[in-house]
Protein backbone atom coordinates (compact mmCIF):
# COMPACT_ATOMS: atom_id res chain seq x y z
CA UNK A 1 -19.46 41.74 11.28
CA UNK A 2 -21.22 40.76 8.08
CA UNK A 3 -24.92 41.65 7.64
CA UNK A 4 -25.30 39.92 4.31
CA UNK A 5 -28.64 38.06 4.18
CA UNK A 6 -30.64 36.34 1.45
CA UNK A 7 -33.82 38.21 0.58
CA UNK A 8 -35.22 36.13 -2.31
CA UNK A 9 -33.87 33.86 -5.06
CA UNK A 10 -30.45 35.30 -6.08
CA UNK A 11 -31.03 38.53 -4.14
CA UNK A 12 -29.00 39.54 -1.10
CA UNK A 13 -29.20 42.32 1.47
CA UNK A 14 -25.92 44.28 1.90
CA UNK A 15 -27.13 47.02 4.19
CA UNK A 16 -25.65 48.42 7.37
CA UNK A 17 -27.18 49.70 10.61
CA UNK A 18 -26.17 53.15 11.91
CA UNK A 19 -27.07 53.07 15.61
CA UNK A 20 -25.48 56.37 16.74
CA UNK A 21 -28.12 57.93 18.99
CA UNK A 22 -26.82 61.51 18.53
CA UNK A 23 -27.27 61.55 14.78
CA UNK A 24 -29.56 63.98 13.02
CA UNK A 25 -31.02 62.46 9.85
CA UNK A 26 -30.45 64.92 6.97
CA UNK A 27 -29.02 67.26 9.66
CA UNK A 28 -32.62 67.90 10.93
CA UNK A 29 -34.42 64.94 12.37
CA UNK A 30 -33.35 63.15 15.57
CA UNK A 31 -33.04 59.37 15.21
CA UNK A 32 -32.55 58.09 18.75
CA UNK A 33 -33.08 54.52 17.54
CA UNK A 34 -30.73 54.87 14.62
CA UNK A 35 -31.34 54.03 10.99
CA UNK A 36 -30.48 51.38 8.46
CA UNK A 37 -28.90 52.08 5.08
CA UNK A 38 -29.99 49.35 2.68
CA UNK A 39 -28.35 48.13 -0.49
CA UNK A 40 -28.93 44.85 -2.40
CA UNK A 41 -27.10 42.52 -4.78
CA UNK A 42 -28.56 40.32 -7.50
CA UNK A 43 -26.40 37.27 -8.42
CA UNK A 44 -27.74 36.00 -11.74
CA UNK A 45 -25.89 35.39 -14.94
CA UNK A 46 -24.85 38.99 -14.33
CA UNK A 47 -24.24 40.54 -10.95
CA UNK A 48 -26.18 43.74 -10.19
CA UNK A 49 -25.75 46.14 -7.24
CA UNK A 50 -28.66 48.33 -6.17
CA UNK A 51 -27.50 51.56 -4.47
CA UNK A 52 -24.91 52.00 -1.75
CA UNK A 53 -24.88 53.47 1.82
CA UNK A 54 -24.02 56.57 3.82
CA UNK A 55 -20.34 57.65 4.24
CA UNK A 56 -20.19 56.54 7.87
CA UNK A 57 -20.92 52.92 6.83
CA UNK A 58 -18.92 52.57 3.62
CA UNK A 59 -16.26 50.19 4.89
CA UNK A 60 -18.78 47.72 6.26
CA UNK A 61 -20.81 47.98 3.04
CA UNK A 62 -17.84 47.31 0.75
CA UNK A 63 -16.97 44.30 2.92
CA UNK A 64 -20.51 43.04 2.57
CA UNK A 65 -20.41 43.50 -1.19
CA UNK A 66 -17.14 41.60 -1.55
CA UNK A 67 -18.43 38.76 0.62
CA UNK A 68 -21.77 38.49 -1.28
CA UNK A 69 -20.00 38.52 -4.64
CA UNK A 70 -18.03 35.51 -3.50
CA UNK A 71 -15.10 36.13 -5.88
CA UNK A 72 -17.23 37.25 -8.82
CA UNK A 73 -16.85 40.69 -10.36
CA UNK A 74 -19.58 43.29 -10.44
CA UNK A 75 -21.27 43.66 -13.86
CA UNK A 76 -23.95 46.30 -13.30
CA UNK A 77 -24.60 49.02 -10.75
CA UNK A 78 -28.14 50.51 -10.57
CA UNK A 79 -28.31 53.95 -9.01
CA UNK A 80 -31.93 54.64 -8.07
CA UNK A 81 -31.45 57.77 -5.92
CA UNK A 82 -28.56 60.22 -5.68
CA UNK A 83 -29.07 61.47 -2.12
CA UNK A 84 -25.71 60.97 -0.40
CA UNK A 85 -26.95 58.61 2.25
CA UNK A 86 -27.43 56.13 -0.61
CA UNK A 87 -25.00 57.40 -3.24
CA UNK A 88 -21.90 58.14 -1.21
CA UNK A 89 -20.32 54.79 -2.11
CA UNK A 90 -20.52 55.26 -5.86
CA UNK A 91 -16.88 56.30 -6.28
CA UNK A 92 -15.77 53.48 -3.97
CA UNK A 93 -17.62 50.95 -6.14
CA UNK A 94 -16.22 52.40 -9.37
CA UNK A 95 -12.69 52.30 -7.96
CA UNK A 96 -12.90 48.65 -6.86
CA UNK A 97 -14.92 47.47 -9.90
CA UNK A 98 -13.72 49.75 -12.76
CA UNK A 99 -15.40 47.68 -15.49
CA UNK A 100 -18.93 47.95 -13.99
CA UNK A 101 -21.69 49.45 -16.10
CA UNK A 102 -23.73 52.09 -14.30
CA UNK A 103 -27.49 52.04 -14.94
CA UNK A 104 -29.36 55.28 -14.17
CA UNK A 105 -31.66 57.84 -15.78
CA UNK A 106 -30.65 61.17 -17.32
CA UNK A 107 -31.41 63.21 -14.22
CA UNK A 108 -29.46 60.80 -12.04
CA UNK A 109 -26.34 61.10 -14.22
CA UNK A 110 -26.72 64.90 -14.13
CA UNK A 111 -26.86 64.97 -10.33
CA UNK A 112 -24.10 62.42 -10.18
CA UNK A 113 -21.87 64.85 -12.07
CA UNK A 114 -22.86 67.66 -9.66
CA UNK A 115 -21.56 65.52 -6.83
CA UNK A 116 -18.27 65.07 -8.62
CA UNK A 117 -18.88 61.56 -9.95
CA UNK A 118 -18.21 61.09 -13.63
CA UNK A 119 -18.83 57.78 -15.37
CA UNK A 120 -17.07 57.09 -18.66
CA UNK A 121 -19.57 57.25 -21.54
CA UNK A 122 -18.97 53.63 -22.50
CA UNK A 123 -19.81 52.62 -18.95
CA UNK A 124 -23.16 54.39 -18.88
CA UNK A 125 -26.51 52.75 -19.55
CA UNK A 126 -29.20 55.46 -19.49
CA UNK A 127 -32.71 54.30 -18.58
CA UNK A 128 -35.92 55.68 -19.90
CA UNK A 129 -39.31 55.35 -18.23
CA UNK A 130 -40.55 51.72 -18.30
CA UNK A 131 -37.39 50.41 -19.96
CA UNK A 132 -36.77 46.70 -19.34
CA UNK A 133 -33.54 44.71 -18.92
CA UNK A 134 -32.68 41.05 -18.37
CA UNK A 135 -29.73 39.92 -16.27
CA UNK A 136 -30.26 36.19 -16.89
CA UNK A 137 -33.27 34.58 -15.21
CA UNK A 138 -34.29 37.92 -13.67
CA UNK A 139 -36.10 40.46 -15.79
CA UNK A 140 -36.57 44.04 -14.66
CA UNK A 141 -38.80 46.99 -15.48
CA UNK A 142 -37.85 50.47 -14.32
CA UNK A 143 -40.37 53.13 -13.29
CA UNK A 144 -39.61 56.76 -12.50
CA UNK A 145 -40.70 58.14 -9.15
CA UNK A 146 -39.92 61.88 -9.38
CA UNK A 147 -40.07 63.86 -6.13
CA UNK A 148 -40.28 60.77 -3.95
CA UNK A 149 -38.41 62.61 -2.82
CA UNK A 150 -35.80 63.88 -5.31
CA UNK A 151 -36.53 64.47 -9.02
CA UNK A 152 -34.28 61.67 -10.29
CA UNK A 153 -35.68 58.83 -8.19
CA UNK A 154 -36.63 55.56 -9.89
CA UNK A 155 -37.70 52.14 -8.69
CA UNK A 156 -36.75 48.76 -10.13
CA UNK A 157 -39.14 45.81 -10.33
CA UNK A 158 -37.91 42.24 -10.73
CA UNK A 159 -40.74 40.50 -12.58
CA UNK A 160 -39.14 37.10 -11.84
CA UNK A 161 -39.32 37.28 -8.03
CA UNK A 162 -41.85 40.14 -7.57
CA UNK A 163 -39.28 42.21 -5.66
CA UNK A 164 -39.77 45.98 -5.94
CA UNK A 165 -36.58 47.86 -5.13
CA UNK A 166 -38.46 50.93 -3.93
CA UNK A 167 -35.72 53.49 -3.10
CA UNK A 168 -36.91 55.72 -0.22
CA UNK A 169 -40.49 54.61 -0.54
CA UNK A 170 -41.80 52.25 2.18
CA UNK A 171 -38.79 53.08 4.45
CA UNK A 172 -38.51 53.69 8.14
CA UNK A 173 -36.24 55.12 10.81
CA UNK A 174 -34.67 52.64 13.26
CA UNK A 175 -31.91 50.02 13.02
CA UNK A 176 -32.85 46.50 11.98
CA UNK A 177 -30.63 44.74 14.49
CA UNK A 178 -30.66 41.54 12.37
CA UNK A 179 -34.45 41.52 11.88
CA UNK A 180 -34.48 42.18 8.13
CA UNK A 181 -38.10 41.33 7.40
CA UNK A 182 -41.24 43.04 8.68
CA UNK A 183 -42.69 39.75 9.97
CA UNK A 184 -39.67 39.26 12.20
CA UNK A 185 -40.80 42.12 14.50
CA UNK A 186 -44.05 43.41 15.99
CA UNK A 187 -44.40 46.10 13.38
CA UNK A 188 -47.64 47.67 14.55
CA UNK A 189 -46.32 47.99 18.11
CA UNK A 190 -42.69 48.91 17.56
CA UNK A 191 -42.30 50.26 14.03
CA UNK A 192 -45.45 51.95 12.86
CA UNK A 193 -44.61 55.26 14.48
CA UNK A 194 -41.06 55.18 13.11
CA UNK A 195 -42.37 54.54 9.60
CA UNK A 196 -44.90 57.35 9.82
CA UNK A 197 -42.41 59.86 11.20
CA UNK A 198 -40.03 58.89 8.43
CA UNK A 199 -42.62 59.26 5.67
CA UNK A 200 -44.29 62.47 6.81
CA UNK A 201 -41.10 64.35 7.44
CA UNK A 202 -39.05 63.09 4.51
CA UNK A 203 -41.64 62.57 1.77
CA UNK A 204 -44.80 64.16 3.23
CA UNK A 205 -44.50 67.32 1.15
CA UNK A 206 -44.87 65.31 -2.04
CA UNK A 207 -48.20 63.57 -1.46
CA UNK A 208 -49.41 63.86 -5.09
CA UNK A 209 -46.14 62.36 -6.35
CA UNK A 210 -46.47 59.49 -3.93
CA UNK A 211 -49.99 58.91 -5.21
CA UNK A 212 -48.56 58.84 -8.73
CA UNK A 213 -46.00 56.15 -8.04
CA UNK A 214 -48.62 54.12 -6.18
CA UNK A 215 -50.77 54.44 -9.24
CA UNK A 216 -47.89 53.00 -11.31
CA UNK A 217 -47.60 50.16 -8.84
CA UNK A 218 -51.30 49.38 -9.23
CA UNK A 219 -51.82 49.99 -12.93
CA UNK A 220 -48.48 49.34 -14.62
CA UNK A 221 -46.41 46.97 -12.42
CA UNK A 222 -49.67 45.47 -11.08
CA UNK A 223 -49.79 45.38 -7.34
CA UNK A 224 -50.78 41.71 -7.26
CA UNK A 225 -47.41 40.89 -8.91
CA UNK A 226 -45.37 42.54 -6.15
CA UNK A 227 -44.29 40.16 -3.46
CA UNK A 228 -41.78 42.29 -1.55
CA UNK A 229 -40.83 45.91 -1.00
CA UNK A 230 -37.04 46.39 -0.73
CA UNK A 231 -36.54 49.97 0.54
CA UNK A 232 -33.31 51.83 1.18
CA UNK A 233 -34.18 52.27 4.88
CA UNK A 234 -35.99 49.92 7.21
CA UNK A 235 -37.42 46.42 6.78
CA UNK A 236 -37.90 44.40 3.71
CA UNK A 237 -41.66 44.03 3.56
CA UNK A 238 -43.08 40.63 2.60
CA UNK A 239 -46.06 39.75 4.84
CA UNK A 240 -48.99 42.09 4.09
CA UNK A 241 -48.12 44.64 1.43
CA UNK A 242 -51.57 46.23 1.48
CA UNK A 243 -51.04 47.23 5.17
CA UNK A 244 -48.21 49.51 4.10
CA UNK A 245 -49.79 50.61 0.82
CA UNK A 246 -52.94 51.70 2.64
CA UNK A 247 -50.83 53.70 5.13
CA UNK A 248 -49.10 55.42 2.21
CA UNK A 249 -52.38 56.15 0.49
CA UNK A 250 -53.75 57.78 3.65
CA UNK A 251 -50.59 59.74 4.53
CA UNK A 252 -50.05 60.93 0.97
CA UNK A 253 -53.70 62.12 0.79
CA UNK A 254 -53.25 63.95 4.13
CA UNK A 255 -56.05 61.99 5.70
CA UNK A 256 -55.79 61.43 9.47
CA UNK A 257 -55.24 57.86 10.61
CA UNK A 258 -57.24 58.31 13.78
CA UNK A 259 -59.97 60.48 15.23
CA UNK A 260 -58.28 62.21 18.19
CA UNK A 261 -56.65 65.38 19.48
CA UNK A 262 -53.12 66.62 19.53
CA UNK A 263 -52.69 69.40 22.17
CA UNK A 264 -49.51 71.16 21.17
CA UNK A 265 -48.59 73.75 23.76
CA UNK A 266 -45.86 76.26 24.56
CA UNK A 267 -45.51 77.59 28.07
CA UNK A 268 -42.84 79.93 29.52
CA UNK A 269 -43.85 79.84 33.17
CA UNK A 270 -46.38 76.99 33.34
CA UNK A 271 -49.63 78.90 32.96
CA UNK A 272 -50.34 77.94 29.34
CA UNK A 273 -49.35 74.37 30.18
CA UNK A 274 -51.86 74.34 32.97
CA UNK A 275 -54.57 75.47 30.53
CA UNK A 276 -53.61 72.69 28.09
CA UNK A 277 -53.89 70.02 30.77
CA UNK A 278 -57.15 71.50 31.99
CA UNK A 279 -58.47 71.11 28.44
CA UNK A 280 -57.33 67.52 28.37
CA UNK A 281 -59.12 66.70 31.57
CA UNK A 282 -62.32 68.36 30.33
CA UNK A 283 -62.24 66.43 27.09
CA UNK A 284 -61.67 63.18 29.00
CA UNK A 285 -64.65 64.02 31.17
CA UNK A 286 -66.65 64.18 27.94
CA UNK A 287 -65.45 60.73 26.89
CA UNK A 288 -62.61 61.78 24.54
CA UNK A 289 -59.61 59.57 25.33
CA UNK A 290 -57.37 59.64 22.25
CA UNK A 291 -55.40 62.71 23.28
CA UNK A 292 -51.68 63.33 22.80
CA UNK A 293 -49.91 66.13 24.72
CA UNK A 294 -46.80 67.73 23.27
CA UNK A 295 -44.72 70.57 24.74
CA UNK A 296 -43.18 72.19 21.64
CA UNK A 297 -40.19 73.36 23.71
CA UNK A 298 -39.13 69.84 24.47
CA UNK A 299 -40.48 67.88 21.55
CA UNK A 300 -38.68 67.84 18.22
CA UNK A 301 -40.90 69.19 15.50
CA UNK A 302 -40.63 65.92 13.52
CA UNK A 303 -42.65 64.19 16.24
CA UNK A 304 -45.26 67.00 16.18
CA UNK A 305 -45.57 66.57 12.44
CA UNK A 306 -46.01 62.80 12.82
CA UNK A 307 -48.75 63.31 15.45
CA UNK A 308 -50.47 65.81 13.16
CA UNK A 309 -50.56 63.34 10.32
CA UNK A 310 -51.92 60.71 12.70
CA UNK A 311 -54.69 62.70 14.41
CA UNK A 312 -57.74 64.55 13.08
CA UNK A 313 -57.74 67.53 15.49
CA UNK A 314 -55.09 69.88 16.82
CA UNK A 315 -55.38 72.37 19.67
CA UNK A 316 -52.65 74.99 19.76
CA UNK A 317 -52.09 76.54 23.19
CA UNK A 318 -49.64 79.37 22.86
CA UNK A 319 -48.40 82.44 24.77
CA UNK A 320 -47.82 85.72 22.99
CA UNK A 321 -44.10 86.36 22.65
CA UNK A 322 -42.86 89.84 21.73
CA UNK A 323 -46.31 90.47 20.27
CA UNK A 324 -46.04 87.44 18.13
CA UNK A 325 -46.32 83.66 18.16
CA UNK A 326 -44.00 81.76 20.50
CA UNK A 327 -41.01 80.97 18.23
CA UNK A 328 -41.04 77.16 18.58
CA UNK A 329 -44.80 77.09 17.96
CA UNK A 330 -44.19 79.24 14.88
CA UNK A 331 -41.60 76.69 13.77
CA UNK A 332 -44.20 73.94 14.04
CA UNK A 333 -46.73 75.99 11.97
CA UNK A 334 -44.15 76.77 9.27
CA UNK A 335 -43.24 73.07 9.04
CA UNK A 336 -46.94 72.26 8.54
CA UNK A 337 -46.93 74.71 5.66
CA UNK A 338 -43.78 73.40 4.10
CA UNK A 339 -45.17 69.85 4.12
CA UNK A 340 -48.54 70.88 2.59
CA UNK A 341 -50.52 69.38 5.50
CA UNK A 342 -54.29 69.82 5.16
CA UNK A 343 -57.60 68.35 6.25
CA UNK A 344 -57.31 69.00 9.99
CA UNK A 345 -59.49 70.83 12.53
CA UNK A 346 -57.88 73.37 14.82
CA UNK A 347 -58.70 74.92 18.11
CA UNK A 348 -56.78 77.81 19.71
CA UNK A 349 -55.89 78.80 23.26
CA UNK A 350 -53.90 82.01 23.53
CA UNK A 351 -52.17 83.66 26.50
CA UNK A 352 -50.92 87.20 27.02
CA UNK A 353 -50.38 89.32 30.10
CA UNK A 354 -51.10 92.69 28.52
CA UNK A 355 -51.60 92.27 24.76
CA UNK A 356 -52.74 88.75 23.72
CA UNK A 357 -51.88 88.59 20.02
CA UNK A 358 -50.95 84.94 19.42
CA UNK A 359 -54.51 83.78 18.78
CA UNK A 360 -55.19 86.20 15.96
CA UNK A 361 -51.79 85.51 14.40
CA UNK A 362 -52.23 81.73 14.64
CA UNK A 363 -55.74 81.96 13.13
CA UNK A 364 -54.41 84.10 10.29
CA UNK A 365 -51.59 81.68 9.64
CA UNK A 366 -53.89 78.66 9.59
CA UNK A 367 -56.39 80.40 7.38
CA UNK A 368 -54.05 82.01 4.85
CA UNK A 369 -50.86 79.92 4.79
CA UNK A 370 -52.29 76.36 5.12
CA UNK A 371 -54.84 74.63 2.92
CA UNK A 372 -58.21 73.14 3.66
CA UNK A 373 -58.08 73.61 7.45
CA UNK A 374 -61.11 74.01 9.69
CA UNK A 375 -60.63 76.54 12.50
CA UNK A 376 -63.11 76.34 15.37
CA UNK A 377 -64.75 79.65 16.25
CA UNK A 378 -64.50 79.07 19.99
CA UNK A 379 -61.20 80.41 21.26
CA UNK A 380 -59.81 80.71 24.79
CA UNK A 381 -58.00 83.93 25.72
CA UNK A 382 -56.02 83.86 28.95
CA UNK A 383 -54.66 86.93 30.66
CA UNK A 384 -51.55 85.61 32.40
CA UNK A 385 -53.13 82.62 34.08
CA UNK A 386 -56.31 80.56 33.78
CA UNK A 387 -59.17 81.88 35.95
CA UNK A 388 -62.88 81.63 36.44
CA UNK A 389 -63.33 84.18 33.65
CA UNK A 390 -62.13 81.50 31.25
CA UNK A 391 -64.60 78.83 32.38
CA UNK A 392 -67.26 79.51 29.74
CA UNK A 393 -64.60 79.80 26.96
CA UNK A 394 -63.06 76.50 27.90
CA UNK A 395 -66.47 74.84 28.04
CA UNK A 396 -67.35 76.23 24.60
CA UNK A 397 -64.07 75.04 23.11
CA UNK A 398 -64.56 71.58 24.63
CA UNK A 399 -68.09 71.38 23.31
CA UNK A 400 -67.01 72.36 19.82
CA UNK A 401 -64.22 69.83 19.84
CA UNK A 402 -66.47 67.05 21.08
CA UNK A 403 -69.07 67.86 18.43
CA UNK A 404 -66.48 67.94 15.70
CA UNK A 405 -64.81 64.73 16.88
CA UNK A 406 -68.15 62.88 16.94
CA UNK A 407 -69.42 64.18 13.67
């Protein structure tokens, strides 16, 4: 079934939903609500394709492209990002439209060659930073967005309509199900978490680079001239661009969205879990209500990362495992390191039946491997199970958290 839809004057959406609930995005992240792969077509004096889709969706996409062209040929093909979920269809497009001119930058053409795609020299148009092109009524400027989240990424701005073809920026997990625009859904209720989890896990490592491209949007393209974001995943954004820009500014600066607590716990036999829920109740008794509980053994780490970006405080409750940190908790910590997360306050609850070591190891990791983290001095050390001997430690940890949350 066709998913072609008009986006703006002469601009059409050609994307395809991928609803398979068992998919792992990039082979890592679960996407139980699927994902959309977005591509777009400009029909001006010249026809221009922006990106393609993932291999699983290529037949539907090629059908959409043929329908949208309406018997016309394809004149130009702009490749903004070479990640295969957007670039898999390049060879298919070149085979069906052999006379098309491919527009890309030097690094894009290099990576294209690495993927086994070679464009004839006379069919290449190599873009430099802030180059401009006209396709008839529509005039474009191209801006490079390196490491958002590959080095070759660029975005394309249509000065005629104000549409910014933003590659992976401003994207989201989740299928669109026919609701192409952000104002066709309750975004805050149903999509905000998907957009955050997408950003922090896919692009979160490259906060300074995101800040750089946002700077270009403000200072070069001029934010007031942008009317729509057209990303390669998720909704076309047209209603309140500053809502999304402000989210990206906060996430890319590693600033928490909310004052609250993530209690991330691991528990082999239920005793550390009991301590985690005891802490939750004690915090609630002190008036702290924005608390998220996550069992690291049953929660994919991508959700833990999303919660960490959202909240200001994290309490890690962890048993000692073979004189080390419980493996799935260690996985969470190493993911924090790989994404350069900073500016959070941590508390620690450790458990160990004969040699509690997790607390010291977690503290050392937070202090030496992560950046700009605050670690509360008050720690709870449990020997096998929570007992009256832990009462004062729990109270001290709660008091420290409450003081920090209210400061």
